[in-house]
Protein backbone atom coordinates (compact mmCIF):
# COMPACT_ATOMS: atom_id res chain seq x y z
CA UNK A 1 0.60 0.09 0.23
CA UNK A 2 1.15 3.80 -0.76
CA UNK A 3 1.79 5.84 2.52
CA UNK A 4 0.76 9.44 2.32
CA UNK A 5 2.92 10.85 5.15
CA UNK A 6 5.35 8.75 7.52
CA UNK A 7 5.25 9.79 11.00
CA UNK A 8 8.30 8.67 12.91
CA UNK A 9 7.54 9.82 16.31
CA UNK A 10 7.05 7.29 18.89
CA UNK A 11 4.46 9.44 20.73
CA UNK A 12 1.73 8.49 18.66
CA UNK A 13 0.32 5.06 17.85
CA UNK A 14 -0.41 5.94 13.68
CA UNK A 15 2.99 5.43 12.25
CA UNK A 16 1.77 6.44 8.65
CA UNK A 17 -1.34 7.45 7.22
CA UNK A 18 -2.80 5.05 4.49
CA UNK A 19 -3.48 6.35 1.25
CA UNK A 20 -7.24 7.18 1.05
CA UNK A 21 -7.82 7.10 -2.67
CA UNK A 22 -6.00 3.58 -3.05
CA UNK A 23 -8.44 2.27 0.34
CA UNK A 24 -11.71 3.39 -1.37
CA UNK A 25 -10.53 2.25 -4.85
CA UNK A 26 -10.30 -1.06 -3.35
CA UNK A 27 -13.43 -1.02 -1.28
CA UNK A 28 -15.35 0.22 -4.07
CA UNK A 29 -14.24 -2.93 -6.16
CA UNK A 30 -15.08 -5.07 -3.20
CA UNK A 31 -18.48 -3.66 -3.32
CA UNK A 32 -18.92 -4.13 -6.93
CA UNK A 33 -18.15 -7.33 -6.88
CA UNK A 34 -20.74 -10.06 -5.72
CA UNK A 35 -20.80 -11.10 -1.87
CA UNK A 36 -17.62 -13.77 -1.61
CA UNK A 37 -19.05 -15.97 1.48
CA UNK A 38 -17.98 -18.61 3.61
CA UNK A 39 -19.08 -22.39 1.82
CA UNK A 40 -22.38 -23.49 2.87
CA UNK A 41 -20.64 -26.62 4.59
CA UNK A 42 -17.79 -24.81 6.31
CA UNK A 43 -20.58 -22.43 7.39
CA UNK A 44 -22.61 -25.14 9.38
CA UNK A 45 -19.35 -26.35 11.15
CA UNK A 46 -19.13 -23.00 12.51
CA UNK A 47 -22.67 -23.41 13.34
CA UNK A 48 -21.66 -26.72 15.20
CA UNK A 49 -19.02 -24.61 17.36
CA UNK A 50 -21.93 -22.53 18.81
CA UNK A 51 -23.99 -25.14 19.09
CA UNK A 52 -21.13 -27.66 21.02
CA UNK A 53 -18.87 -25.26 22.70
CA UNK A 54 -21.20 -22.48 24.17
CA UNK A 55 -24.15 -23.96 25.01
CA UNK A 56 -24.70 -22.00 28.59
CA UNK A 57 -23.71 -19.11 26.81
CA UNK A 58 -26.95 -20.15 24.54
CA UNK A 59 -29.09 -20.33 27.49
CA UNK A 60 -28.35 -17.15 29.25
CA UNK A 61 -28.89 -15.73 25.78
CA UNK A 62 -32.00 -17.15 25.58
CA UNK A 63 -33.13 -16.17 28.83
CA UNK A 64 -32.24 -12.72 28.83
CA UNK A 65 -34.59 -12.17 25.31
CA UNK A 66 -37.20 -12.48 27.56
CA UNK A 67 -36.70 -9.21 29.62
CA UNK A 68 -34.18 -7.60 28.29
CA UNK A 69 -35.36 -6.16 24.32
CA UNK A 70 -33.46 -7.52 21.84
CA UNK A 71 -31.81 -9.65 24.52
CA UNK A 72 -28.85 -7.41 24.90
CA UNK A 73 -28.30 -3.97 26.51
CA UNK A 74 -25.38 -3.06 24.05
CA UNK A 75 -24.74 -3.03 20.70
CA UNK A 76 -21.32 -4.14 20.90
CA UNK A 77 -22.76 -7.79 22.32
CA UNK A 78 -25.03 -8.61 18.90
CA UNK A 79 -23.07 -11.45 17.57
CA UNK A 80 -24.24 -14.25 15.12
CA UNK A 81 -25.75 -16.56 16.02
CA UNK A 82 -26.11 -15.35 19.00
CA UNK A 83 -24.37 -13.27 22.04
CA UNK A 84 -21.64 -14.70 23.77
CA UNK A 85 -21.20 -14.61 27.82
CA UNK A 86 -17.85 -13.39 29.18
CA UNK A 87 -16.80 -14.69 32.50
CA UNK A 88 -13.17 -13.12 32.44
CA UNK A 89 -11.43 -10.78 30.81
CA UNK A 90 -7.61 -10.20 30.77
CA UNK A 91 -5.24 -8.47 28.97
CA UNK A 92 -5.65 -9.63 25.19
CA UNK A 93 -7.73 -12.66 25.77
CA UNK A 94 -11.25 -13.24 26.79
CA UNK A 95 -12.92 -16.33 28.68
CA UNK A 96 -16.59 -17.22 28.22
CA UNK A 97 -18.92 -18.81 30.59
CA UNK A 98 -17.70 -22.48 28.96
CA UNK A 99 -14.55 -21.93 29.08
CA UNK A 100 -13.39 -21.31 25.78
CA UNK A 101 -10.34 -18.91 25.19
CA UNK A 102 -10.89 -15.87 22.57
CA UNK A 103 -7.86 -13.24 21.51
CA UNK A 104 -9.67 -10.07 21.96
CA UNK A 105 -9.56 -7.36 19.73
CA UNK A 106 -12.61 -5.83 20.49
CA UNK A 107 -11.74 -4.83 23.33
CA UNK A 108 -15.00 -3.38 24.97
CA UNK A 109 -15.27 -1.55 21.75
CA UNK A 110 -12.04 0.11 22.17
CA UNK A 111 -11.09 1.63 26.22
CA UNK A 112 -9.04 -0.85 27.00
CA UNK A 113 -5.66 0.25 25.15
CA UNK A 114 -3.74 -1.17 28.21
CA UNK A 115 -5.48 -4.38 27.35
CA UNK A 116 -8.69 -5.43 29.44
CA UNK A 117 -8.49 -5.62 33.56
CA UNK A 118 -5.06 -3.40 34.08
CA UNK A 119 -4.18 -4.57 37.17
CA UNK A 120 -2.42 -1.61 38.43
CA UNK A 121 -5.63 0.43 36.93
CA UNK A 122 -7.78 -2.28 39.30
CA UNK A 123 -5.75 -1.83 42.34
CA UNK A 124 -6.08 2.10 42.70
CA UNK A 125 -9.89 1.15 42.10
CA UNK A 126 -10.25 -0.71 44.77
CA UNK A 127 -8.95 1.43 46.98
CA UNK A 128 -11.28 3.98 46.20
CA UNK A 129 -14.56 1.37 46.87
CA UNK A 130 -12.67 0.89 49.90
CA UNK A 131 -12.45 4.21 51.04
CA UNK A 132 -15.21 5.84 50.04
CA UNK A 133 -16.78 3.99 47.86
CA UNK A 134 -17.66 4.96 44.10
CA UNK A 135 -19.75 8.06 44.40
CA UNK A 136 -19.98 10.89 47.26
CA UNK A 137 -21.93 13.63 45.62
CA UNK A 138 -19.47 16.17 46.76
CA UNK A 139 -15.82 17.23 45.13
CA UNK A 140 -13.31 14.43 44.97
CA UNK A 141 -9.59 15.59 44.47
CA UNK A 142 -9.11 12.85 41.44
CA UNK A 143 -12.22 15.07 39.53
CA UNK A 144 -9.39 17.72 39.54
CA UNK A 145 -6.18 15.75 38.94
CA UNK A 146 -7.59 14.23 35.98
CA UNK A 147 -8.80 17.36 33.88
CA UNK A 148 -5.18 18.56 34.92
CA UNK A 149 -4.15 15.39 33.28
CA UNK A 150 -6.52 16.13 30.24
CA UNK A 151 -5.52 19.70 29.96
CA UNK A 152 -1.93 18.89 30.07
CA UNK A 153 -1.97 16.62 27.12
CA UNK A 154 -4.36 17.67 24.93
CA UNK A 155 -3.36 21.59 24.05
CA UNK A 156 -6.53 22.65 22.60
CA UNK A 157 -8.02 22.30 26.54
CA UNK A 158 -7.66 24.61 28.52
CA UNK A 159 -10.84 23.52 30.72
CA UNK A 160 -12.60 19.88 31.10
CA UNK A 161 -16.15 19.34 32.28
CA UNK A 162 -16.54 15.34 32.57
CA UNK A 163 -19.99 13.93 31.75
CA UNK A 164 -21.57 10.07 31.48
CA UNK A 165 -21.09 9.22 28.61
CA UNK A 166 -20.11 9.97 24.57
CA UNK A 167 -23.59 10.60 23.42
CA UNK A 168 -24.15 12.87 26.66
CA UNK A 169 -20.72 14.63 25.82
CA UNK A 170 -22.03 15.12 22.11
CA UNK A 171 -25.19 16.66 23.35
CA UNK A 172 -23.41 18.43 25.89
CA UNK A 173 -21.04 20.03 23.08
CA UNK A 174 -23.58 21.00 20.78
CA UNK A 175 -25.38 22.77 23.20
CA UNK A 176 -22.70 24.74 24.29
CA UNK A 177 -21.80 25.35 20.42
CA UNK A 178 -25.35 26.92 19.78
CA UNK A 179 -25.42 28.63 23.00
CA UNK A 180 -21.46 30.40 22.88
CA UNK A 181 -22.23 31.07 18.74
CA UNK A 182 -26.13 32.21 18.75
CA UNK A 183 -26.82 29.68 16.03
CA UNK A 184 -28.71 26.76 15.66
CA UNK A 185 -27.04 24.75 12.80
CA UNK A 186 -24.83 21.59 12.69
CA UNK A 187 -23.37 20.11 10.32
CA UNK A 188 -22.34 16.35 10.92
CA UNK A 189 -19.70 14.43 8.17
CA UNK A 190 -22.06 11.90 6.90
CA UNK A 191 -21.74 8.38 7.95
CA UNK A 192 -20.13 9.54 11.32
CA UNK A 193 -21.75 7.47 14.78
CA UNK A 194 -21.98 10.64 17.18
CA UNK A 195 -24.17 8.85 19.88
CA UNK A 196 -28.12 8.48 20.18
CA UNK A 197 -29.49 11.54 20.78
CA UNK A 198 -31.94 12.82 18.69
CA UNK A 199 -30.00 15.22 17.14
CA UNK A 200 -27.63 13.08 15.89
CA UNK A 201 -29.21 9.97 14.73
CA UNK A 202 -29.25 11.36 11.49
CA UNK A 203 -26.96 10.20 8.93
CA UNK A 204 -25.62 7.41 10.64
CA UNK A 205 -23.63 4.34 9.10
CA UNK A 206 -24.06 5.60 5.64
CA UNK A 207 -23.69 8.93 4.15
CA UNK A 208 -27.21 10.27 3.28
CA UNK A 209 -29.67 8.07 4.94
CA UNK A 210 -30.70 11.14 6.54
CA UNK A 211 -33.44 10.19 9.27
CA UNK A 212 -33.74 6.47 8.18
CA UNK A 213 -33.00 5.73 11.35
CA UNK A 214 -35.03 8.24 13.73
CA UNK A 215 -37.54 6.11 14.48
CA UNK A 216 -39.25 8.07 17.68
CA UNK A 217 -37.53 11.46 16.93
CA UNK A 218 -39.72 14.33 15.83
CA UNK A 219 -38.65 16.27 12.93
CA UNK A 220 -38.11 19.43 15.07
CA UNK A 221 -35.12 17.89 16.85
CA UNK A 222 -33.01 16.75 13.98
CA UNK A 223 -34.33 20.07 11.63
CA UNK A 224 -31.06 22.03 12.32
CA UNK A 225 -28.49 19.03 11.90
CA UNK A 226 -27.18 18.83 8.28
CA UNK A 227 -24.74 16.29 7.12
CA UNK A 228 -22.27 15.92 4.17
CA UNK A 229 -20.03 13.49 2.88
CA UNK A 230 -16.74 12.80 3.91
CA UNK A 231 -13.59 14.85 1.93
CA UNK A 232 -15.59 16.28 0.09
CA UNK A 233 -15.16 19.83 0.97
CA UNK A 234 -16.94 21.49 -2.02
CA UNK A 235 -20.13 20.64 -0.83
CA UNK A 236 -18.90 21.18 2.92
CA UNK A 237 -18.56 25.02 1.98
CA UNK A 238 -21.95 25.31 -0.05
CA UNK A 239 -24.07 24.88 3.19
CA UNK A 240 -22.07 26.91 5.19
CA UNK A 241 -22.42 29.32 2.55
CA UNK A 242 -26.10 28.56 2.55
CA UNK A 243 -26.31 28.64 6.17
CA UNK A 244 -24.74 31.82 6.41
CA UNK A 245 -28.25 33.49 4.77
CA UNK A 246 -30.12 31.66 7.50
CA UNK A 247 -28.30 32.53 9.91
CA UNK A 248 -25.08 30.80 10.71
CA UNK A 249 -23.85 27.69 11.42
CA UNK A 250 -23.06 26.82 15.13
CA UNK A 251 -20.64 24.25 14.43
CA UNK A 252 -19.13 21.06 12.12
CA UNK A 253 -18.31 17.69 14.15
CA UNK A 254 -16.15 15.52 12.50
CA UNK A 255 -14.56 12.24 13.56
CA UNK A 256 -10.99 12.85 12.86
CA UNK A 257 -10.61 9.27 11.54
CA UNK A 258 -13.46 9.50 9.58
CA UNK A 259 -17.22 8.37 10.01
CA UNK A 260 -17.23 4.94 11.81
CA UNK A 261 -14.19 5.48 13.49
CA UNK A 262 -12.39 5.42 9.86
CA UNK A 263 -14.37 2.82 8.18
CA UNK A 264 -14.49 5.66 5.66
CA UNK A 265 -11.39 7.10 5.86
CA UNK A 266 -10.58 10.79 5.38
CA UNK A 267 -7.49 12.32 3.84
CA UNK A 268 -4.73 13.35 5.63
CA UNK A 269 -5.70 17.16 4.73
CA UNK A 270 -9.51 17.00 5.53
CA UNK A 271 -9.33 17.98 9.36
CA UNK A 272 -7.12 21.28 8.51
CA UNK A 273 -9.62 22.15 5.54
CA UNK A 274 -12.51 22.09 7.51
CA UNK A 275 -10.43 24.00 10.59
CA UNK A 276 -10.33 26.43 7.68
CA UNK A 277 -13.74 26.59 6.86
CA UNK A 278 -14.82 27.20 10.37
CA UNK A 279 -12.61 30.28 10.55
CA UNK A 280 -13.90 31.74 7.51
CA UNK A 281 -17.09 31.27 8.39
CA UNK A 282 -17.15 31.59 12.60
CA UNK A 283 -18.57 28.09 13.13
CA UNK A 284 -16.75 25.91 16.12
CA UNK A 285 -14.46 22.71 14.88
CA UNK A 286 -15.94 19.86 17.23
CA UNK A 287 -13.42 16.84 16.94
CA UNK A 288 -15.54 13.49 18.30
CA UNK A 289 -12.21 11.90 19.63
CA UNK A 290 -14.12 9.11 21.66
CA UNK A 291 -12.36 6.45 19.60
CA UNK A 292 -9.40 8.52 19.02
CA UNK A 293 -8.84 10.43 22.26
CA UNK A 294 -5.58 8.63 23.79
CA UNK A 295 -5.90 5.74 21.29
CA UNK A 296 -4.00 7.55 18.90
CA UNK A 297 -1.54 9.07 20.83
CA UNK A 298 -1.86 11.10 24.89
CA UNK A 299 -2.34 14.22 22.79
CA UNK A 300 -5.00 12.48 20.64
CA UNK A 301 -5.83 12.62 16.58
CA UNK A 302 -5.64 16.27 16.91
CA UNK A 303 -1.96 16.28 17.78
CA UNK A 304 -1.40 13.97 14.94
CA UNK A 305 -2.78 15.37 12.48
CA UNK A 306 -1.77 18.93 14.00
CA UNK A 307 -5.35 20.89 14.03
CA UNK A 308 -6.50 22.64 16.91
CA UNK A 309 -10.35 22.19 17.44
CA UNK A 310 -12.46 24.48 19.44
CA UNK A 311 -14.07 21.80 21.24
CA UNK A 312 -13.33 18.38 21.88
CA UNK A 313 -15.40 15.00 22.49
CA UNK A 314 -13.83 12.57 25.18
CA UNK A 315 -14.74 9.00 25.96
CA UNK A 316 -13.54 5.01 25.99
CA UNK A 317 -10.40 5.24 26.91
CA UNK A 318 -10.79 8.92 28.96
CA UNK A 319 -11.52 5.95 31.89
CA UNK A 320 -9.69 3.10 30.92
CA UNK A 321 -12.93 0.76 30.21
CA UNK A 322 -14.11 1.92 33.36
CA UNK A 323 -18.16 3.25 33.43
CA UNK A 324 -19.10 6.81 33.54
CA UNK A 325 -16.13 7.57 30.43
CA UNK A 326 -18.00 10.99 28.76
CA UNK A 327 -15.95 14.53 28.48
CA UNK A 328 -15.76 17.57 26.92
CA UNK A 329 -12.77 19.78 26.59
CA UNK A 330 -12.31 22.82 25.07
CA UNK A 331 -10.98 26.47 24.98
CA UNK A 332 -11.54 28.59 28.62
CA UNK A 333 -14.18 31.27 27.04
CA UNK A 334 -16.22 28.63 25.22
CA UNK A 335 -16.14 25.81 28.50
CA UNK A 336 -16.99 28.77 30.94
CA UNK A 337 -20.70 28.74 29.36
CA UNK A 338 -20.86 25.39 30.50
CA UNK A 339 -19.87 26.37 34.68
CA UNK A 340 -22.09 24.87 36.47
CA UNK A 341 -23.60 25.58 40.16
CA UNK A 342 -26.76 28.11 41.33
CA UNK A 343 -24.05 30.98 40.63
CA UNK A 344 -23.24 30.45 37.51
CA UNK A 345 -26.71 31.33 35.92
CA UNK A 346 -26.35 34.28 33.38
CA UNK A 347 -27.71 35.32 29.74
CA UNK A 348 -25.41 32.04 28.03
CA UNK A 349 -25.32 28.93 29.70
CA UNK A 350 -25.61 25.25 28.70
CA UNK A 351 -26.72 23.93 31.50
CA UNK A 352 -25.61 19.74 31.44
CA UNK A 353 -25.89 17.40 34.85
CA UNK A 354 -25.43 14.03 36.26
CA UNK A 355 -25.08 12.70 39.24
CA UNK A 356 -22.48 10.12 38.44
CA UNK A 357 -20.84 12.08 36.37
CA UNK A 358 -16.75 12.23 37.56
CA UNK A 359 -17.66 10.07 40.25
CA UNK A 360 -14.78 8.85 42.04
CA UNK A 361 -14.43 5.66 40.94
CA UNK A 362 -14.40 6.73 37.21
CA UNK A 363 -12.29 9.58 37.91
CA UNK A 364 -9.39 7.34 39.90
CA UNK A 365 -9.66 4.74 36.98
CA UNK A 366 -9.51 7.52 34.44
CA UNK A 367 -6.14 9.28 35.88
CA UNK A 368 -4.34 6.30 36.46
CA UNK A 369 -5.18 4.89 33.48
CA UNK A 370 -3.75 7.65 31.41
CA UNK A 371 -1.15 8.13 33.32
CA UNK A 372 -0.08 4.38 32.83
CA UNK A 373 -1.02 4.58 28.94
CA UNK A 374 1.70 7.72 28.87
CA UNK A 375 4.20 5.98 31.54
CA UNK A 376 4.21 2.50 29.02
CA UNK A 377 3.80 4.37 25.16
CA UNK A 378 0.55 2.15 24.92
CA UNK A 379 -0.50 3.86 21.94
CA UNK A 380 2.54 3.62 20.20
CA UNK A 381 2.97 -0.24 20.88
CA UNK A 382 -0.91 -0.63 20.19
CA UNK A 383 -0.36 0.97 16.67
CA UNK A 384 2.45 -1.64 16.30
CA UNK A 385 0.38 -4.59 17.02
CA UNK A 386 -2.64 -3.19 14.65
CA UNK A 387 0.29 -2.71 12.23
CA UNK A 388 1.44 -5.92 12.13
CA UNK A 389 -2.20 -7.53 12.30
CA UNK A 390 -3.10 -4.87 8.93
CA UNK A 391 0.05 -6.35 7.32
CA UNK A 392 -0.38 -9.77 7.98
CA UNK A 393 -4.49 -10.02 6.93
CA UNK A 394 -3.41 -8.31 4.04
CA UNK A 395 -0.77 -10.69 2.84
CA UNK A 396 -3.00 -12.88 3.41
CA UNK A 397 -5.84 -11.90 1.51
CA UNK A 398 -3.17 -11.30 -1.77
CA UNK A 399 -1.89 -14.89 -1.21
CA UNK A 400 -5.50 -16.27 -1.13
CA UNK A 401 -6.51 -13.79 -4.36
CA UNK A 402 -9.43 -12.53 -2.29
CA UNK A 403 -11.49 -9.62 -2.46
CA UNK A 404 -11.20 -8.25 0.97
CA UNK A 405 -9.68 -5.26 2.08
CA UNK A 406 -7.87 -4.58 5.50
CA UNK A 407 -6.27 -1.09 6.15
CA UNK A 408 -5.91 0.56 9.65
CA UNK A 409 -5.13 3.61 11.57
CA UNK A 410 -2.75 2.78 13.92
CA UNK A 411 -4.67 0.46 16.43
CA UNK A 412 -7.84 0.49 14.69
CA UNK A 413 -7.66 -1.87 12.44
CA UNK A 414 -10.70 -2.37 9.28
CA UNK A 415 -11.31 -5.64 8.01
CA UNK A 416 -13.84 -5.18 4.91
CA UNK A 417 -15.27 -8.58 3.80
CA UNK A 418 -18.43 -7.31 2.57
CA UNK A 419 -18.37 -4.04 2.15
CA UNK A 420 -21.97 -3.13 3.95
CA UNK A 421 -20.94 -0.14 5.10
CA UNK A 422 -19.26 1.46 2.43
CA UNK A 423 -22.90 1.20 0.35
CA UNK A 424 -23.88 4.42 -0.85
CA UNK A 425 -26.81 6.25 -0.63
CA UNK A 426 -26.34 7.73 -3.91
CA UNK A 427 -27.25 4.83 -5.58
CA UNK A 428 -30.38 3.98 -3.39
CA UNK A 429 -31.32 0.54 -5.22
CA UNK A 430 -28.28 -1.01 -4.84
CA UNK A 431 -28.60 0.14 -1.16
CA UNK A 432 -31.89 -1.74 -0.84
CA UNK A 433 -31.09 -4.32 -2.74
CA UNK A 434 -27.86 -5.64 -1.38
CA UNK A 435 -27.67 -4.11 2.28
CA UNK A 436 -29.49 -7.55 3.60
CA UNK A 437 -27.15 -10.20 1.90
CA UNK A 438 -23.78 -7.84 2.82
CA UNK A 439 -25.22 -7.95 6.23
CA UNK A 440 -25.38 -11.39 6.98
CA UNK A 441 -22.43 -12.35 5.45
CA UNK A 442 -20.38 -9.70 7.57
CA UNK A 443 -22.31 -11.63 10.38
CA UNK A 444 -21.21 -15.07 9.38
CA UNK A 445 -17.76 -13.65 8.62
CA UNK A 446 -17.66 -12.54 12.71
CA UNK A 447 -19.35 -16.40 13.49
CA UNK A 448 -16.36 -17.55 11.43
CA UNK A 449 -13.99 -15.17 13.44
CA UNK A 450 -15.23 -16.07 16.60
CA UNK A 451 -15.80 -20.03 16.11
CA UNK A 452 -11.75 -19.52 15.82
CA UNK A 453 -10.79 -17.95 18.66
CA UNK A 454 -10.86 -14.64 17.66
CA UNK A 455 -13.32 -11.88 19.01
CA UNK A 456 -14.12 -8.66 16.24
CA UNK A 457 -16.16 -5.85 16.26
CA UNK A 458 -19.41 -6.73 13.96
CA UNK A 459 -16.50 -9.22 12.04
CA UNK A 460 -15.54 -5.55 10.47
CA UNK A 461 -13.42 -3.80 13.11
CA UNK A 462 -10.83 -4.58 15.60
CA UNK A 463 -8.79 -2.70 18.36
CA UNK A 464 -5.57 -3.68 19.61
CA UNK A 465 -4.07 -2.88 23.07
CA UNK A 466 -0.59 -3.32 24.19
CA UNK A 467 -1.06 -6.52 25.28
CA UNK A 468 -1.17 -7.87 21.59
CA UNK A 469 2.62 -8.96 21.85
CA UNK A 470 4.12 -10.41 18.62
CA UNK A 471 3.36 -14.09 19.40
CA UNK A 472 -0.74 -13.31 20.07
CA UNK A 473 -0.75 -11.60 16.73
CA UNK A 474 0.92 -13.91 14.82
CA UNK A 475 -1.39 -16.80 16.53
CA UNK A 476 -4.63 -14.38 15.47
CA UNK A 477 -2.90 -14.36 11.99
CA UNK A 478 -2.94 -17.80 11.61
CA UNK A 479 -6.84 -18.12 12.84
CA UNK A 480 -7.73 -15.57 10.68
CA UNK A 481 -5.99 -17.57 7.25
CA UNK A 482 -7.86 -20.53 8.57
CA UNK A 483 -11.29 -18.86 8.03
CA UNK A 484 -10.43 -16.76 4.90
CA UNK A 485 -9.26 -21.12 3.60
CA UNK A 486 -13.21 -21.69 4.16
CA UNK A 487 -14.06 -18.99 1.51
C-alpha cells in the first residue's frame, strides 16, 4: 500500500496515514463484486461450534431475550448466531462461561488500550471503593487531577468537564456550541456515529441516509442537523454559505479518523481544511475523539494531525474501560458557558448535569489509566500491533486472491469482507437490494472468527492493545487464515 506520510514520532500510535484514494478504490471494487461468503458446508461446521461448545452462553442469551429487549444491553454484544456471555477478561484474552478462550480484538469497543482489566488501574479502583465508595455527590480530588491530566496532554483543552458517556458529551458540546455562537445549525460528516441523542441519529453509518434510523424522534429534533459526505469540501462550503444566509452555522462535528472510526477514512488534509472553513465562516470545530482520544496518542488525533479544534469530545479510553466515560474539553471562553452551580446563571449558560458524572471511581480509574498509558507508551505499542495485524491480513488476502480489504489507523484495524458499510445512499436501488445479504455475510464472518477464537467488532473492525504481543498477533493471523480458507 502506498503511504501518504510517514510519522516516525513514537508519541503517536499511527506510524503512517493510509493512502485514502487507494483504499476507496479497493473498497469500491469490493462493493461492485458479488459477495464472497464462507462456503455453506464450512459455515455449517462453524454453527456446530456454537451448538456444541457454547451451550451455557446460548441458554443465557435465550433467557436474556425474555427480560431484555432484543436480548442485549449494548450493540457491541450483538453476535451471530447469539451473544456470548463472558466471565473473564484479562489482557489480550476473553474467556466465556463455557471456558472457551479468545483473542480479544474487541477490547470493549476500544477503551482498554492497556489491555483488559489492567492490574495497576484495578488496584487503585479497589482502594477507592474501600475508602470512599463509588460516589459521594461532593468534590473529589481526582476530579481535579484527571482534568489537569487531560488539559496537560491535549493542547486545545484549557478546561475539561466530565459527563457520563460519549453520547452525553456530544449532546453537551452541541448545546454549548449553540449557546456560545447563538446559532442553531450543526453540520456532521455523514456516516459518523456521534451517539444516540435525538439530534445525532441522523446520517448514521451510511452517508446520505438522513433520518433513516430516526424512529421515535420528532422532525423538529433533527431540523437543524445537516450532513455532508466525508472529503467533499466543496459541498461543505456550499452548506456553510447557505447557512450564512439563514443565521449561520454553530459547529461542524467530525470524527477525525473518518466516519465510523475510520471505516470511511478521510484524507490527511481533511481536518485542517475543516479548520480553515470553520475559521472562515465563524463556526466552531468539534472533534469527536471518543475513539481516537489517547488511542492515537496522548494528545489525540488532533495532535497527530496538528489541527486545533474548539471543542473535543472524550470517551472510552478516558477512564480505561471503567464506567461513566465521557467529557468535553476546549477553550476557556467557550467552556465557561458550561459552568455549573446556582451562581453560574447568566445570559449564556449551557445546562448539563449527571449525579454520577465525575464520580470518584471513574476519575481515579481515568487518572491512573491515562497515567499508565503515558508511562508505557501504550498508543505506540498498540499501534505497532495494529500495523503487524494489518500487514499480515493483507498478505493472506493477496495470497488467497480474495477481494477483501484490510487497512488501519494505528490500533484501529479495519477488515472489510462484505463492504456493507461502504454502500452509498446515492445509489438507493443497490443499497436496498444488497444491504441485507452483505450485512449477513459480515455476521457470518464474525461468527467464523469467533469459532476460531477471535473476537472482533461485528466482523469488520478490530482494536489492538499494548497487550497484543507479536506472538499473539501471529497466532491470530494463523486463525484468520484458517477462516479465509473456508471461503
